[in-house]
Amino acid sequence: RQQPTGPQYAPAHRQQSSPKAMARGTIKHLKRMFAPRHWMLDKLKGRWAPKPSAGPHKLRECLPLIVMLRERLKYALT
């Protein structure tokens, strides 16, 4: 038996929503466990890591300035 189709039968997460309810822009956060290993961040220190703005370069090959200041030089901790 074939399922009925149409917007009224679509699952709630697939229904078209109004433009006000949609996400705005790119994702601005990065979970710490998904950060590149060469940043050498502690896994248990927090949940979030800074997301770099790599520009025209690859996201995996860049190092955010805040990681260099906070984690390596122990500067700007608060």
C-alpha atoms as a PDB file:
ATOM      1  CA  ARG A   1       0.000   0.000   0.000  1.00  0.00           C
ATOM      2  CA  GLN A   2       1.387   3.364  -0.987  1.00  0.00           C
ATOM      3  CA  GLN A   3       1.599   6.238   1.482  1.00  0.00           C
ATOM      4  CA  PRO A   4      -0.349   9.390   0.596  1.00  0.00           C
ATOM      5  CA  THR A   5       1.829  12.286  -0.496  1.00  0.00           C
ATOM      6  CA  GLY A   6       1.520  16.005  -0.126  1.00  0.00           C
ATOM      7  CA  PRO A   7       2.596  18.696   2.333  1.00  0.00           C
ATOM      8  CA  GLN A   8      -0.092  17.811   4.864  1.00  0.00           C
ATOM      9  CA  TYR A   9       1.257  14.228   5.105  1.00  0.00           C
ATOM     10  CA  ALA A  10       4.954  15.123   5.331  1.00  0.00           C
ATOM     11  CA  PRO A  11       6.760  14.549   8.643  1.00  0.00           C
ATOM     12  CA  ALA A  12       7.023  17.596  10.873  1.00  0.00           C
ATOM     13  CA  HIS A  13      10.773  18.020  10.318  1.00  0.00           C
ATOM     14  CA  ARG A  14      10.333  18.072   6.526  1.00  0.00           C
ATOM     15  CA  GLN A  15       7.459  20.507   6.271  1.00  0.00           C
ATOM     16  CA  GLN A  16       8.082  23.901   4.762  1.00  0.00           C
ATOM     17  CA  SER A  17       8.307  26.533   7.445  1.00  0.00           C
ATOM     18  CA  SER A  18       8.061  30.263   7.342  1.00  0.00           C
ATOM     19  CA  PRO A  19      11.247  32.248   6.609  1.00  0.00           C
ATOM     20  CA  LYS A  20      11.268  33.570  10.192  1.00  0.00           C
ATOM     21  CA  ALA A  21      11.774  30.070  11.622  1.00  0.00           C
ATOM     22  CA  MET A  22      14.718  29.145   9.376  1.00  0.00           C
ATOM     23  CA  ALA A  23      18.348  29.258  10.496  1.00  0.00           C
ATOM     24  CA  ARG A  24      20.245  32.418   9.728  1.00  0.00           C
ATOM     25  CA  GLY A  25      23.688  32.217   8.172  1.00  0.00           C
ATOM     26  CA  THR A  26      26.406  29.649   8.694  1.00  0.00           C
ATOM     27  CA  ILE A  27      27.027  27.596  11.806  1.00  0.00           C
ATOM     28  CA  LYS A  28      29.171  29.668  14.149  1.00  0.00           C
ATOM     29  CA  HIS A  29      30.182  27.024  16.668  1.00  0.00           C
ATOM     30  CA  LEU A  30      32.224  23.836  16.633  1.00  0.00           C
ATOM     31  CA  LYS A  31      32.159  21.017  19.140  1.00  0.00           C
ATOM     32  CA  ARG A  32      35.508  20.389  20.762  1.00  0.00           C
ATOM     33  CA  MET A  33      35.584  16.719  19.864  1.00  0.00           C
ATOM     34  CA  PHE A  34      35.264  17.598  16.156  1.00  0.00           C
ATOM     35  CA  ALA A  35      38.111  20.123  16.208  1.00  0.00           C
ATOM     36  CA  PRO A  36      41.272  19.083  14.332  1.00  0.00           C
ATOM     37  CA  ARG A  37      43.778  17.099  16.376  1.00  0.00           C
ATOM     38  CA  HIS A  38      46.677  19.419  15.606  1.00  0.00           C
ATOM     39  CA  TRP A  39      44.989  22.099  17.760  1.00  0.00           C
ATOM     40  CA  MET A  40      45.700  19.808  20.762  1.00  0.00           C
ATOM     41  CA  LEU A  41      42.638  20.845  22.783  1.00  0.00           C
ATOM     42  CA  ASP A  42      41.637  19.055  25.979  1.00  0.00           C
ATOM     43  CA  LYS A  43      38.592  16.851  25.539  1.00  0.00           C
ATOM     44  CA  LEU A  44      37.253  17.437  29.033  1.00  0.00           C
ATOM     45  CA  LYS A  45      37.949  21.148  29.363  1.00  0.00           C
ATOM     46  CA  GLY A  46      34.673  22.230  27.779  1.00  0.00           C
ATOM     47  CA  ARG A  47      32.115  21.373  25.147  1.00  0.00           C
ATOM     48  CA  TRP A  48      32.794  24.017  22.518  1.00  0.00           C
ATOM     49  CA  ALA A  49      35.841  25.043  20.503  1.00  0.00           C
ATOM     50  CA  PRO A  50      36.277  28.266  18.558  1.00  0.00           C
ATOM     51  CA  LYS A  51      35.272  27.953  14.924  1.00  0.00           C
ATOM     52  CA  PRO A  52      37.853  29.571  12.668  1.00  0.00           C
ATOM     53  CA  SER A  53      37.015  31.839   9.785  1.00  0.00           C
ATOM     54  CA  ALA A  54      39.431  30.341   7.295  1.00  0.00           C
ATOM     55  CA  GLY A  55      38.562  32.589   4.372  1.00  0.00           C
ATOM     56  CA  PRO A  56      39.729  31.024   1.100  1.00  0.00           C
ATOM     57  CA  HIS A  57      41.780  28.376   2.926  1.00  0.00           C
ATOM     58  CA  LYS A  58      40.721  24.947   4.161  1.00  0.00           C
ATOM     59  CA  LEU A  59      39.034  24.813   7.550  1.00  0.00           C
ATOM     60  CA  ARG A  60      41.117  21.803   8.636  1.00  0.00           C
ATOM     61  CA  GLU A  61      44.429  23.494   7.855  1.00  0.00           C
ATOM     62  CA  CYS A  62      43.942  26.711   9.814  1.00  0.00           C
ATOM     63  CA  LEU A  63      44.505  27.556  13.465  1.00  0.00           C
ATOM     64  CA  PRO A  64      42.288  30.150  15.160  1.00  0.00           C
ATOM     65  CA  LEU A  65      44.174  32.969  16.838  1.00  0.00           C
ATOM     66  CA  ILE A  66      42.253  32.456  20.096  1.00  0.00           C
ATOM     67  CA  VAL A  67      43.552  28.861  20.300  1.00  0.00           C
ATOM     68  CA  MET A  68      47.097  30.142  19.969  1.00  0.00           C
ATOM     69  CA  LEU A  69      46.595  32.837  22.616  1.00  0.00           C
ATOM     70  CA  ARG A  70      44.512  30.905  25.119  1.00  0.00           C
ATOM     71  CA  GLU A  71      45.777  27.327  24.888  1.00  0.00           C
ATOM     72  CA  ARG A  72      49.429  27.767  23.933  1.00  0.00           C
ATOM     73  CA  LEU A  73      50.481  31.072  25.486  1.00  0.00           C
ATOM     74  CA  LYS A  74      48.018  30.909  28.439  1.00  0.00           C
ATOM     75  CA  TYR A  75      47.061  34.505  27.654  1.00  0.00           C
ATOM     76  CA  ALA A  76      43.513  35.926  27.602  1.00  0.00           C
ATOM     77  CA  LEU A  77      42.064  33.115  29.692  1.00  0.00           C
ATOM     78  CA  THR A  78      39.081  35.216  30.796  1.00  0.00           C
END
